[in-house]
Amino acid sequence: MILAIPILLAVAVSEPEQCQAIDREYILARDVAAMVPAFAQLSVDFSLGYVPLSGEPRILKGTDLQNIAKNRGVEMATAPADVCFKRRTFVPSSDQLRDAMMAGIGIPDAKIEITSASQHRAPSGDVVFPRAGLQFTENQLDKYIKDVLWRGYVRYGEDRRFDIWAKVRITATMTRVVAAANIPAGKPIQAGQLRLETGEDSPLDETVVRSLEEATGFVAKTPLHKASVIRKNQIERAPDVARGDVVTVHVFEGAAHLSMEGRAQQDGVKGASILVRNPSSGKDFRAQVTGKDQVTIGQIQ
């Protein structure tokens, strides 16, 4: 338990030649004891005042220290010399910022260029740049490549935070899928219509299609022009069942299993629920797509 004296001993001063740096916001008896041995007789957690986060020095007057010692049952024949304390602070270096950023994004091949950063002195602690601290415009296609603001913090004390920031450019050698020819909308994309290229790109841009497998067989929502980079929101999976297709309907009722034919009234991918028409009765029913031209009613036992 940290005890505090009822009067303010610490006052602001210009920094003396000998000023002890500490990693806490308060000065304890054990800190003073290093320069005034009599204070070793006091409780080690006895508090004698605070130091600001800015690193501004604080001085403890010798006469006040003598009175405090006496009030705590420790006699001092003469007043000790004044003592000075300050909070240990630092301005994070580029290497510290970059190391924290690399840990924050978790991409070993990323290249991070720091173009500017906050220069305020922070209390000593760990530099942290969480991925969530990156700030960018969602519709910016070249996001992260141009200067982007990244908010981080220095973690100090009992999980306290001192805010810091930096402007960065983040790139990596990445693959991306490009249209090798004009691709019409609404038809499955063929492997020959695609090519893979490698270049400097953003490792955090998840909108770009990075492998041929992610686009081959998919359907373009709108026409894709030759040489254009393909993005995930421009394509969609080809339906496993297309409207008008004849499908096999599997009906499960307990241990019983019945198969029949139906005609799909809607497009659907695996897992989707679609309307299917019974050719004999002309009635529609709902079934779950379970595979290519396969739908199911009920649960398999």
C-alpha atoms as a PDB file:
ATOM      1  CA  MET A   1       0.000   0.000   0.000  1.00  0.00           C
ATOM      2  CA  ILE A   2       1.373   3.430  -0.937  1.00  0.00           C
ATOM      3  CA  LEU A   3       1.093   6.059   1.829  1.00  0.00           C
ATOM      4  CA  ALA A   4       0.976   9.757   1.032  1.00  0.00           C
ATOM      5  CA  ILE A   5       1.947  12.699   3.221  1.00  0.00           C
ATOM      6  CA  PRO A   6      -0.696  15.440   3.686  1.00  0.00           C
ATOM      7  CA  ILE A   7       1.468  18.288   2.389  1.00  0.00           C
ATOM      8  CA  LEU A   8       3.000  18.878  -1.034  1.00  0.00           C
ATOM      9  CA  LEU A   9       6.755  18.634  -0.791  1.00  0.00           C
ATOM     10  CA  ALA A  10       7.547  18.522  -4.497  1.00  0.00           C
ATOM     11  CA  VAL A  11       7.839  21.831  -6.300  1.00  0.00           C
ATOM     12  CA  ALA A  12       8.804  22.644  -9.874  1.00  0.00           C
ATOM     13  CA  VAL A  13      12.369  23.811 -10.426  1.00  0.00           C
ATOM     14  CA  SER A  14      14.874  24.174 -13.199  1.00  0.00           C
ATOM     15  CA  GLU A  15      16.681  20.865 -13.419  1.00  0.00           C
ATOM     16  CA  PRO A  16      19.754  20.600 -11.140  1.00  0.00           C
ATOM     17  CA  GLU A  17      22.860  18.806 -12.306  1.00  0.00           C
ATOM     18  CA  GLN A  18      21.948  15.748 -10.191  1.00  0.00           C
ATOM     19  CA  CYS A  19      18.312  14.801 -10.698  1.00  0.00           C
ATOM     20  CA  GLN A  20      17.312  11.156 -10.253  1.00  0.00           C
ATOM     21  CA  ALA A  21      15.096   9.633 -12.977  1.00  0.00           C
ATOM     22  CA  ILE A  22      12.329   7.271 -11.840  1.00  0.00           C
ATOM     23  CA  ASP A  23       9.778   5.172 -13.755  1.00  0.00           C
ATOM     24  CA  ARG A  24       6.804   6.092 -11.563  1.00  0.00           C
ATOM     25  CA  GLU A  25       4.589   9.132 -11.169  1.00  0.00           C
ATOM     26  CA  TYR A  26       5.257   9.286  -7.421  1.00  0.00           C
ATOM     27  CA  ILE A  27       8.412   9.515  -5.317  1.00  0.00           C
ATOM     28  CA  LEU A  28       8.808   6.819  -2.646  1.00  0.00           C
ATOM     29  CA  ALA A  29      10.878   6.700   0.520  1.00  0.00           C
ATOM     30  CA  ARG A  30      13.127   4.053  -1.053  1.00  0.00           C
ATOM     31  CA  ASP A  31      13.990   6.550  -3.824  1.00  0.00           C
ATOM     32  CA  VAL A  32      15.023   9.176  -1.280  1.00  0.00           C
ATOM     33  CA  ALA A  33      16.939   6.611   0.784  1.00  0.00           C
ATOM     34  CA  ALA A  34      19.488   6.261  -2.021  1.00  0.00           C
ATOM     35  CA  MET A  35      20.599   9.840  -1.236  1.00  0.00           C
ATOM     36  CA  VAL A  36      19.360  10.282   2.360  1.00  0.00           C
ATOM     37  CA  PRO A  37      20.183   6.972   4.168  1.00  0.00           C
ATOM     38  CA  ALA A  38      17.936   7.816   7.151  1.00  0.00           C
ATOM     39  CA  PHE A  39      14.896   7.342   4.910  1.00  0.00           C
ATOM     40  CA  ALA A  40      15.712   3.641   4.682  1.00  0.00           C
ATOM     41  CA  GLN A  41      14.039   3.400   8.116  1.00  0.00           C
ATOM     42  CA  LEU A  42      10.701   4.502   6.665  1.00  0.00           C
ATOM     43  CA  SER A  43       8.233   2.228   4.894  1.00  0.00           C
ATOM     44  CA  VAL A  44       9.614   1.646   1.397  1.00  0.00           C
ATOM     45  CA  ASP A  45       6.223   2.538  -0.160  1.00  0.00           C
ATOM     46  CA  PHE A  46       5.790   5.800   1.746  1.00  0.00           C
ATOM     47  CA  SER A  47       5.014   8.469  -0.887  1.00  0.00           C
ATOM     48  CA  LEU A  48       6.607  11.914  -0.803  1.00  0.00           C
ATOM     49  CA  GLY A  49       5.044  13.541  -3.862  1.00  0.00           C
ATOM     50  CA  TYR A  50       4.478  13.268  -7.576  1.00  0.00           C
ATOM     51  CA  VAL A  51       6.466  13.938 -10.722  1.00  0.00           C
ATOM     52  CA  PRO A  52       4.726  14.917 -13.990  1.00  0.00           C
ATOM     53  CA  LEU A  53       4.646  12.760 -17.121  1.00  0.00           C
ATOM     54  CA  SER A  54       6.456  15.516 -19.014  1.00  0.00           C
ATOM     55  CA  GLY A  55       9.738  14.763 -17.236  1.00  0.00           C
ATOM     56  CA  GLU A  56       9.776  18.161 -15.528  1.00  0.00           C
ATOM     57  CA  PRO A  57      12.024  17.955 -12.434  1.00  0.00           C
ATOM     58  CA  ARG A  58      10.671  18.124  -8.879  1.00  0.00           C
ATOM     59  CA  ILE A  59      12.732  19.022  -5.832  1.00  0.00           C
ATOM     60  CA  LEU A  60      12.267  17.906  -2.236  1.00  0.00           C
ATOM     61  CA  LYS A  61      13.552  20.455   0.251  1.00  0.00           C
ATOM     62  CA  GLY A  62      15.962  19.187   2.883  1.00  0.00           C
ATOM     63  CA  THR A  63      14.131  20.941   5.745  1.00  0.00           C
ATOM     64  CA  ASP A  64      10.870  19.299   4.709  1.00  0.00           C
ATOM     65  CA  LEU A  65      12.562  15.892   4.544  1.00  0.00           C
ATOM     66  CA  GLN A  66      13.906  16.418   8.082  1.00  0.00           C
ATOM     67  CA  ASN A  67      10.404  17.222   9.378  1.00  0.00           C
ATOM     68  CA  ILE A  68       8.849  14.227   7.630  1.00  0.00           C
ATOM     69  CA  ALA A  69      11.487  11.900   9.047  1.00  0.00           C
ATOM     70  CA  LYS A  70      10.874  13.259  12.550  1.00  0.00           C
ATOM     71  CA  ASN A  71       7.102  12.813  12.196  1.00  0.00           C
ATOM     72  CA  ARG A  72       7.758   9.179  11.219  1.00  0.00           C
ATOM     73  CA  GLY A  73       9.932   8.588  14.287  1.00  0.00           C
ATOM     74  CA  VAL A  74      13.317   9.033  12.600  1.00  0.00           C
ATOM     75  CA  GLU A  75      15.582  11.710  14.103  1.00  0.00           C
ATOM     76  CA  MET A  76      17.961  13.609  11.832  1.00  0.00           C
ATOM     77  CA  ALA A  77      20.499  15.932  13.504  1.00  0.00           C
ATOM     78  CA  THR A  78      20.680  18.255  10.516  1.00  0.00           C
ATOM     79  CA  ALA A  79      18.586  18.814   7.440  1.00  0.00           C
ATOM     80  CA  PRO A  80      19.879  16.914   4.413  1.00  0.00           C
ATOM     81  CA  ALA A  81      20.591  18.531   1.091  1.00  0.00           C
ATOM     82  CA  ASP A  82      17.692  19.095  -1.283  1.00  0.00           C
ATOM     83  CA  VAL A  83      17.036  16.147  -3.608  1.00  0.00           C
ATOM     84  CA  CYS A  84      15.629  16.187  -7.125  1.00  0.00           C
ATOM     85  CA  PHE A  85      13.551  13.656  -9.055  1.00  0.00           C
ATOM     86  CA  LYS A  86      12.066  13.509 -12.535  1.00  0.00           C
ATOM     87  CA  ARG A  87      10.002  11.049 -14.519  1.00  0.00           C
ATOM     88  CA  ARG A  88      12.110   9.016 -16.967  1.00  0.00           C
ATOM     89  CA  THR A  89      10.842   9.929 -20.436  1.00  0.00           C
ATOM     90  CA  PHE A  90      11.820   9.335 -24.037  1.00  0.00           C
ATOM     91  CA  VAL A  91      10.916  10.175 -27.600  1.00  0.00           C
ATOM     92  CA  PRO A  92      10.471   6.807 -29.402  1.00  0.00           C
ATOM     93  CA  SER A  93      13.133   6.280 -32.060  1.00  0.00           C
ATOM     94  CA  SER A  94      12.343   5.269 -35.631  1.00  0.00           C
ATOM     95  CA  ASP A  95      13.546   1.746 -34.880  1.00  0.00           C
ATOM     96  CA  GLN A  96      11.256   1.480 -31.843  1.00  0.00           C
ATOM     97  CA  LEU A  97       8.303   2.755 -33.870  1.00  0.00           C
ATOM     98  CA  ARG A  98       9.001   0.395 -36.762  1.00  0.00           C
ATOM     99  CA  ASP A  99       9.460  -2.648 -34.496  1.00  0.00           C
ATOM    100  CA  ALA A 100       6.130  -1.921 -32.794  1.00  0.00           C
ATOM    101  CA  MET A 101       4.410  -1.473 -36.158  1.00  0.00           C
ATOM    102  CA  MET A 102       5.803  -4.733 -37.524  1.00  0.00           C
ATOM    103  CA  ALA A 103       4.479  -6.512 -34.426  1.00  0.00           C
ATOM    104  CA  GLY A 104       1.130  -4.754 -34.890  1.00  0.00           C
ATOM    105  CA  ILE A 105       0.502  -5.898 -38.461  1.00  0.00           C
ATOM    106  CA  GLY A 106       2.203  -9.313 -38.163  1.00  0.00           C
ATOM    107  CA  ILE A 107       3.421  -9.363 -41.790  1.00  0.00           C
ATOM    108  CA  PRO A 108       7.163 -10.194 -41.872  1.00  0.00           C
ATOM    109  CA  ASP A 109       7.683  -9.034 -45.482  1.00  0.00           C
ATOM    110  CA  ALA A 110       6.102  -5.613 -45.001  1.00  0.00           C
ATOM    111  CA  LYS A 111       8.178  -2.493 -45.659  1.00  0.00           C
ATOM    112  CA  ILE A 112       7.294   0.440 -43.414  1.00  0.00           C
ATOM    113  CA  GLU A 113       8.513   3.950 -44.190  1.00  0.00           C
ATOM    114  CA  ILE A 114       7.904   6.464 -41.398  1.00  0.00           C
ATOM    115  CA  THR A 115       7.468   9.909 -42.940  1.00  0.00           C
ATOM    116  CA  SER A 116       6.715  11.800 -39.699  1.00  0.00           C
ATOM    117  CA  ALA A 117       5.938  11.048 -36.061  1.00  0.00           C
ATOM    118  CA  SER A 118       4.957  12.754 -32.793  1.00  0.00           C
ATOM    119  CA  GLN A 119       7.910  14.228 -30.920  1.00  0.00           C
ATOM    120  CA  HIS A 120       6.352  14.629 -27.465  1.00  0.00           C
ATOM    121  CA  ARG A 121       8.317  13.017 -24.672  1.00  0.00           C
ATOM    122  CA  ALA A 122       6.512   9.965 -23.298  1.00  0.00           C
ATOM    123  CA  PRO A 123       6.940   8.188 -19.965  1.00  0.00           C
ATOM    124  CA  SER A 124       9.248   5.189 -20.270  1.00  0.00           C
ATOM    125  CA  GLY A 125       7.360   2.071 -21.349  1.00  0.00           C
ATOM    126  CA  ASP A 126       6.521  -0.178 -24.281  1.00  0.00           C
ATOM    127  CA  VAL A 127       5.684   1.257 -27.702  1.00  0.00           C
ATOM    128  CA  VAL A 128       2.503  -0.247 -29.188  1.00  0.00           C
ATOM    129  CA  PHE A 129       0.944   0.311 -32.625  1.00  0.00           C
ATOM    130  CA  PRO A 130      -2.201  -1.856 -32.951  1.00  0.00           C
ATOM    131  CA  ARG A 131      -3.434  -2.614 -36.459  1.00  0.00           C
ATOM    132  CA  ALA A 132      -6.749  -1.030 -35.526  1.00  0.00           C
ATOM    133  CA  GLY A 133      -4.928   2.288 -35.125  1.00  0.00           C
ATOM    134  CA  LEU A 134      -4.445   2.637 -38.893  1.00  0.00           C
ATOM    135  CA  GLN A 135      -6.729   5.321 -40.311  1.00  0.00           C
ATOM    136  CA  PHE A 136      -7.576   5.481 -44.002  1.00  0.00           C
ATOM    137  CA  THR A 137     -10.409   6.180 -46.419  1.00  0.00           C
ATOM    138  CA  GLU A 138     -12.293   3.014 -47.344  1.00  0.00           C
ATOM    139  CA  ASN A 139     -12.720   3.961 -51.015  1.00  0.00           C
ATOM    140  CA  GLN A 140      -9.055   4.893 -51.444  1.00  0.00           C
ATOM    141  CA  LEU A 141      -7.761   2.251 -53.872  1.00  0.00           C
ATOM    142  CA  ASP A 142      -4.126   2.938 -53.077  1.00  0.00           C
ATOM    143  CA  LYS A 143      -4.683   2.987 -49.330  1.00  0.00           C
ATOM    144  CA  TYR A 144      -1.645   2.383 -47.129  1.00  0.00           C
ATOM    145  CA  ILE A 145       0.754   3.123 -50.008  1.00  0.00           C
ATOM    146  CA  LYS A 146       0.401   6.878 -49.618  1.00  0.00           C
ATOM    147  CA  ASP A 147       0.930   8.514 -46.225  1.00  0.00           C
ATOM    148  CA  VAL A 148      -1.488   7.077 -43.714  1.00  0.00           C
ATOM    149  CA  LEU A 149      -2.009   8.108 -40.093  1.00  0.00           C
ATOM    150  CA  TRP A 150      -1.298   5.367 -37.549  1.00  0.00           C
ATOM    151  CA  ARG A 151      -2.248   6.005 -33.927  1.00  0.00           C
ATOM    152  CA  GLY A 152      -0.378   4.128 -31.237  1.00  0.00           C
ATOM    153  CA  TYR A 153       0.602   4.547 -27.602  1.00  0.00           C
ATOM    154  CA  VAL A 154       3.283   3.973 -25.005  1.00  0.00           C
ATOM    155  CA  ARG A 155       2.110   1.520 -22.353  1.00  0.00           C
ATOM    156  CA  TYR A 156       3.468   2.463 -18.923  1.00  0.00           C
ATOM    157  CA  GLY A 157       2.682   1.963 -15.255  1.00  0.00           C
ATOM    158  CA  GLU A 158      -0.307  -0.221 -14.481  1.00  0.00           C
ATOM    159  CA  ASP A 159      -1.487  -0.548 -18.086  1.00  0.00           C
ATOM    160  CA  ARG A 160      -1.752   3.207 -18.611  1.00  0.00           C
ATOM    161  CA  ARG A 161      -1.348   4.726 -22.080  1.00  0.00           C
ATOM    162  CA  PHE A 162       0.352   7.789 -23.515  1.00  0.00           C
ATOM    163  CA  ASP A 163      -0.900   8.515 -27.044  1.00  0.00           C
ATOM    164  CA  ILE A 164       1.574   8.796 -29.925  1.00  0.00           C
ATOM    165  CA  TRP A 165       1.170   8.846 -33.720  1.00  0.00           C
ATOM    166  CA  ALA A 166       3.077   8.440 -36.948  1.00  0.00           C
ATOM    167  CA  LYS A 167       2.481   8.854 -40.671  1.00  0.00           C
ATOM    168  CA  VAL A 168       3.634   5.839 -42.633  1.00  0.00           C
ATOM    169  CA  ARG A 169       3.798   4.178 -46.030  1.00  0.00           C
ATOM    170  CA  ILE A 170       3.339   0.409 -45.935  1.00  0.00           C
ATOM    171  CA  THR A 171       4.218  -1.793 -48.907  1.00  0.00           C
ATOM    172  CA  ALA A 172       5.324  -5.336 -49.718  1.00  0.00           C
ATOM    173  CA  THR A 173       6.074  -7.418 -52.797  1.00  0.00           C
ATOM    174  CA  MET A 174       2.639  -8.869 -53.525  1.00  0.00           C
ATOM    175  CA  THR A 175       0.831 -10.839 -56.224  1.00  0.00           C
ATOM    176  CA  ARG A 176      -2.446  -9.642 -57.742  1.00  0.00           C
ATOM    177  CA  VAL A 177      -4.788 -11.001 -60.381  1.00  0.00           C
ATOM    178  CA  VAL A 178      -5.200  -8.929 -63.548  1.00  0.00           C
ATOM    179  CA  ALA A 179      -7.630  -9.368 -66.430  1.00  0.00           C
ATOM    180  CA  ALA A 180      -5.688 -10.747 -69.429  1.00  0.00           C
ATOM    181  CA  ALA A 181      -8.615  -9.864 -71.711  1.00  0.00           C
ATOM    182  CA  ASN A 182     -11.922  -8.044 -71.548  1.00  0.00           C
ATOM    183  CA  ILE A 183     -14.200 -10.163 -69.345  1.00  0.00           C
ATOM    184  CA  PRO A 184     -17.980  -9.945 -69.864  1.00  0.00           C
ATOM    185  CA  ALA A 185     -20.376  -9.814 -66.947  1.00  0.00           C
ATOM    186  CA  GLY A 186     -22.523 -12.763 -65.941  1.00  0.00           C
ATOM    187  CA  LYS A 187     -20.370 -15.588 -67.319  1.00  0.00           C
ATOM    188  CA  PRO A 188     -17.878 -17.849 -65.516  1.00  0.00           C
ATOM    189  CA  ILE A 189     -14.329 -16.482 -65.739  1.00  0.00           C
ATOM    190  CA  GLN A 190     -11.914 -18.813 -67.538  1.00  0.00           C
ATOM    191  CA  ALA A 191      -8.294 -19.320 -66.436  1.00  0.00           C
ATOM    192  CA  GLY A 192      -7.065 -17.988 -69.797  1.00  0.00           C
ATOM    193  CA  GLN A 193      -8.775 -14.669 -69.117  1.00  0.00           C
ATOM    194  CA  LEU A 194      -6.577 -14.043 -66.094  1.00  0.00           C
ATOM    195  CA  ARG A 195      -2.920 -13.474 -65.372  1.00  0.00           C
ATOM    196  CA  LEU A 196      -0.891 -13.076 -62.171  1.00  0.00           C
ATOM    197  CA  GLU A 197       1.489 -10.164 -61.717  1.00  0.00           C
ATOM    198  CA  THR A 198       3.903  -9.270 -58.920  1.00  0.00           C
ATOM    199  CA  GLY A 199       4.757  -5.800 -57.690  1.00  0.00           C
ATOM    200  CA  GLU A 200       4.858  -3.383 -54.765  1.00  0.00           C
ATOM    201  CA  ASP A 201       1.426  -3.239 -53.200  1.00  0.00           C
ATOM    202  CA  SER A 202      -0.265  -2.896 -49.840  1.00  0.00           C
ATOM    203  CA  PRO A 203      -0.133  -6.048 -47.687  1.00  0.00           C
ATOM    204  CA  LEU A 204      -3.135  -4.741 -45.759  1.00  0.00           C
ATOM    205  CA  ASP A 205      -5.408  -4.189 -48.759  1.00  0.00           C
ATOM    206  CA  GLU A 206      -7.752  -7.171 -48.591  1.00  0.00           C
ATOM    207  CA  THR A 207      -9.934  -5.998 -51.484  1.00  0.00           C
ATOM    208  CA  VAL A 208      -7.547  -7.282 -54.185  1.00  0.00           C
ATOM    209  CA  VAL A 209      -7.762 -10.840 -55.570  1.00  0.00           C
ATOM    210  CA  ARG A 210      -4.321 -12.349 -54.882  1.00  0.00           C
ATOM    211  CA  SER A 211      -4.486 -15.822 -56.474  1.00  0.00           C
ATOM    212  CA  LEU A 212      -5.925 -17.274 -59.696  1.00  0.00           C
ATOM    213  CA  GLU A 213      -7.987 -19.757 -57.693  1.00  0.00           C
ATOM    214  CA  GLU A 214      -9.880 -16.865 -56.106  1.00  0.00           C
ATOM    215  CA  ALA A 215     -11.230 -15.752 -59.502  1.00  0.00           C
ATOM    216  CA  THR A 216     -11.273 -18.746 -61.868  1.00  0.00           C
ATOM    217  CA  GLY A 217     -14.843 -19.996 -62.276  1.00  0.00           C
ATOM    218  CA  PHE A 218     -16.293 -16.943 -60.566  1.00  0.00           C
ATOM    219  CA  VAL A 219     -18.672 -14.582 -62.352  1.00  0.00           C
ATOM    220  CA  ALA A 220     -17.949 -10.910 -63.030  1.00  0.00           C
ATOM    221  CA  LYS A 221     -20.671  -8.630 -61.682  1.00  0.00           C
ATOM    222  CA  THR A 222     -19.833  -5.976 -64.286  1.00  0.00           C
ATOM    223  CA  PRO A 223     -17.553  -6.055 -67.362  1.00  0.00           C
ATOM    224  CA  LEU A 224     -13.865  -6.169 -66.439  1.00  0.00           C
ATOM    225  CA  HIS A 225     -11.430  -4.391 -68.733  1.00  0.00           C
ATOM    226  CA  LYS A 226      -8.171  -5.862 -69.949  1.00  0.00           C
ATOM    227  CA  ALA A 227      -5.141  -5.078 -67.709  1.00  0.00           C
ATOM    228  CA  SER A 228      -7.360  -3.996 -64.785  1.00  0.00           C
ATOM    229  CA  VAL A 229      -6.644  -5.309 -61.285  1.00  0.00           C
ATOM    230  CA  ILE A 230      -9.503  -7.541 -60.156  1.00  0.00           C
ATOM    231  CA  ARG A 231     -11.077  -6.817 -56.790  1.00  0.00           C
ATOM    232  CA  LYS A 232     -13.166  -9.138 -54.681  1.00  0.00           C
ATOM    233  CA  ASN A 233     -16.243  -6.938 -54.824  1.00  0.00           C
ATOM    234  CA  GLN A 234     -16.228  -7.145 -58.644  1.00  0.00           C
ATOM    235  CA  ILE A 235     -16.779 -10.913 -58.778  1.00  0.00           C
ATOM    236  CA  GLU A 236     -18.973 -13.512 -57.121  1.00  0.00           C
ATOM    237  CA  ARG A 237     -19.102 -17.273 -56.962  1.00  0.00           C
ATOM    238  CA  ALA A 238     -20.857 -18.961 -59.866  1.00  0.00           C
ATOM    239  CA  PRO A 239     -24.095 -20.471 -58.583  1.00  0.00           C
ATOM    240  CA  ASP A 240     -24.089 -24.202 -57.861  1.00  0.00           C
ATOM    241  CA  VAL A 241     -27.680 -24.138 -59.022  1.00  0.00           C
ATOM    242  CA  ALA A 242     -28.903 -21.755 -61.741  1.00  0.00           C
ATOM    243  CA  ARG A 243     -32.484 -20.668 -62.261  1.00  0.00           C
ATOM    244  CA  GLY A 244     -34.172 -23.038 -64.711  1.00  0.00           C
ATOM    245  CA  ASP A 245     -31.765 -25.918 -64.054  1.00  0.00           C
ATOM    246  CA  VAL A 246     -33.120 -29.393 -63.429  1.00  0.00           C
ATOM    247  CA  VAL A 247     -31.921 -30.414 -59.967  1.00  0.00           C
ATOM    248  CA  THR A 248     -31.968 -33.602 -57.919  1.00  0.00           C
ATOM    249  CA  VAL A 249     -34.058 -33.116 -54.793  1.00  0.00           C
ATOM    250  CA  HIS A 250     -33.119 -35.269 -51.793  1.00  0.00           C
ATOM    251  CA  VAL A 251     -35.895 -35.561 -49.229  1.00  0.00           C
ATOM    252  CA  PHE A 252     -35.091 -36.879 -45.753  1.00  0.00           C
ATOM    253  CA  GLU A 253     -37.789 -37.798 -43.233  1.00  0.00           C
ATOM    254  CA  GLY A 254     -36.357 -39.635 -40.274  1.00  0.00           C
ATOM    255  CA  ALA A 255     -34.516 -42.662 -41.672  1.00  0.00           C
ATOM    256  CA  ALA A 256     -36.398 -42.457 -44.979  1.00  0.00           C
ATOM    257  CA  HIS A 257     -34.725 -40.975 -48.064  1.00  0.00           C
ATOM    258  CA  LEU A 258     -36.488 -40.050 -51.317  1.00  0.00           C
ATOM    259  CA  SER A 259     -34.979 -38.563 -54.478  1.00  0.00           C
ATOM    260  CA  MET A 260     -36.836 -36.783 -57.262  1.00  0.00           C
ATOM    261  CA  GLU A 261     -36.306 -34.145 -59.902  1.00  0.00           C
ATOM    262  CA  GLY A 262     -37.248 -30.479 -59.609  1.00  0.00           C
ATOM    263  CA  ARG A 263     -36.653 -27.260 -61.479  1.00  0.00           C
ATOM    264  CA  ALA A 264     -34.775 -24.402 -59.738  1.00  0.00           C
ATOM    265  CA  GLN A 265     -36.679 -21.123 -59.609  1.00  0.00           C
ATOM    266  CA  GLN A 266     -33.697 -19.174 -58.268  1.00  0.00           C
ATOM    267  CA  ASP A 267     -29.899 -19.103 -58.458  1.00  0.00           C
ATOM    268  CA  GLY A 268     -28.085 -20.376 -55.384  1.00  0.00           C
ATOM    269  CA  VAL A 269     -24.673 -21.334 -54.023  1.00  0.00           C
ATOM    270  CA  LYS A 270     -24.003 -24.176 -51.592  1.00  0.00           C
ATOM    271  CA  GLY A 271     -25.772 -23.489 -48.302  1.00  0.00           C
ATOM    272  CA  ALA A 272     -28.364 -21.124 -49.779  1.00  0.00           C
ATOM    273  CA  SER A 273     -32.109 -21.718 -49.532  1.00  0.00           C
ATOM    274  CA  ILE A 274     -33.919 -21.471 -52.893  1.00  0.00           C
ATOM    275  CA  LEU A 275     -37.338 -22.137 -54.408  1.00  0.00           C
ATOM    276  CA  VAL A 276     -37.707 -25.339 -56.428  1.00  0.00           C
ATOM    277  CA  ARG A 277     -40.775 -26.364 -58.500  1.00  0.00           C
ATOM    278  CA  ASN A 278     -42.228 -29.861 -58.513  1.00  0.00           C
ATOM    279  CA  PRO A 279     -42.807 -30.585 -62.246  1.00  0.00           C
ATOM    280  CA  SER A 280     -45.645 -33.013 -61.475  1.00  0.00           C
ATOM    281  CA  SER A 281     -47.733 -30.757 -59.226  1.00  0.00           C
ATOM    282  CA  GLY A 282     -46.493 -27.374 -60.377  1.00  0.00           C
ATOM    283  CA  LYS A 283     -46.066 -26.337 -56.753  1.00  0.00           C
ATOM    284  CA  ASP A 284     -42.962 -24.558 -55.398  1.00  0.00           C
ATOM    285  CA  PHE A 285     -41.136 -25.586 -52.238  1.00  0.00           C
ATOM    286  CA  ARG A 286     -38.006 -24.399 -50.490  1.00  0.00           C
ATOM    287  CA  ALA A 287     -34.829 -26.494 -50.372  1.00  0.00           C
ATOM    288  CA  GLN A 288     -31.189 -26.012 -49.424  1.00  0.00           C
ATOM    289  CA  VAL A 289     -28.462 -26.147 -52.076  1.00  0.00           C
ATOM    290  CA  THR A 290     -26.004 -28.897 -51.106  1.00  0.00           C
ATOM    291  CA  GLY A 291     -23.886 -29.185 -54.268  1.00  0.00           C
ATOM    292  CA  LYS A 292     -23.829 -28.839 -58.025  1.00  0.00           C
ATOM    293  CA  ASP A 293     -27.485 -29.210 -59.122  1.00  0.00           C
ATOM    294  CA  GLN A 294     -28.293 -30.828 -55.771  1.00  0.00           C
ATOM    295  CA  VAL A 295     -30.808 -29.623 -53.178  1.00  0.00           C
ATOM    296  CA  THR A 296     -32.040 -31.135 -49.918  1.00  0.00           C
ATOM    297  CA  ILE A 297     -35.174 -31.045 -47.786  1.00  0.00           C
ATOM    298  CA  GLY A 298     -34.932 -32.217 -44.178  1.00  0.00           C
ATOM    299  CA  GLN A 299     -31.951 -33.476 -42.202  1.00  0.00           C
ATOM    300  CA  ILE A 300     -29.756 -36.464 -42.921  1.00  0.00           C
ATOM    301  CA  GLN A 301     -30.031 -38.879 -39.999  1.00  0.00           C
END
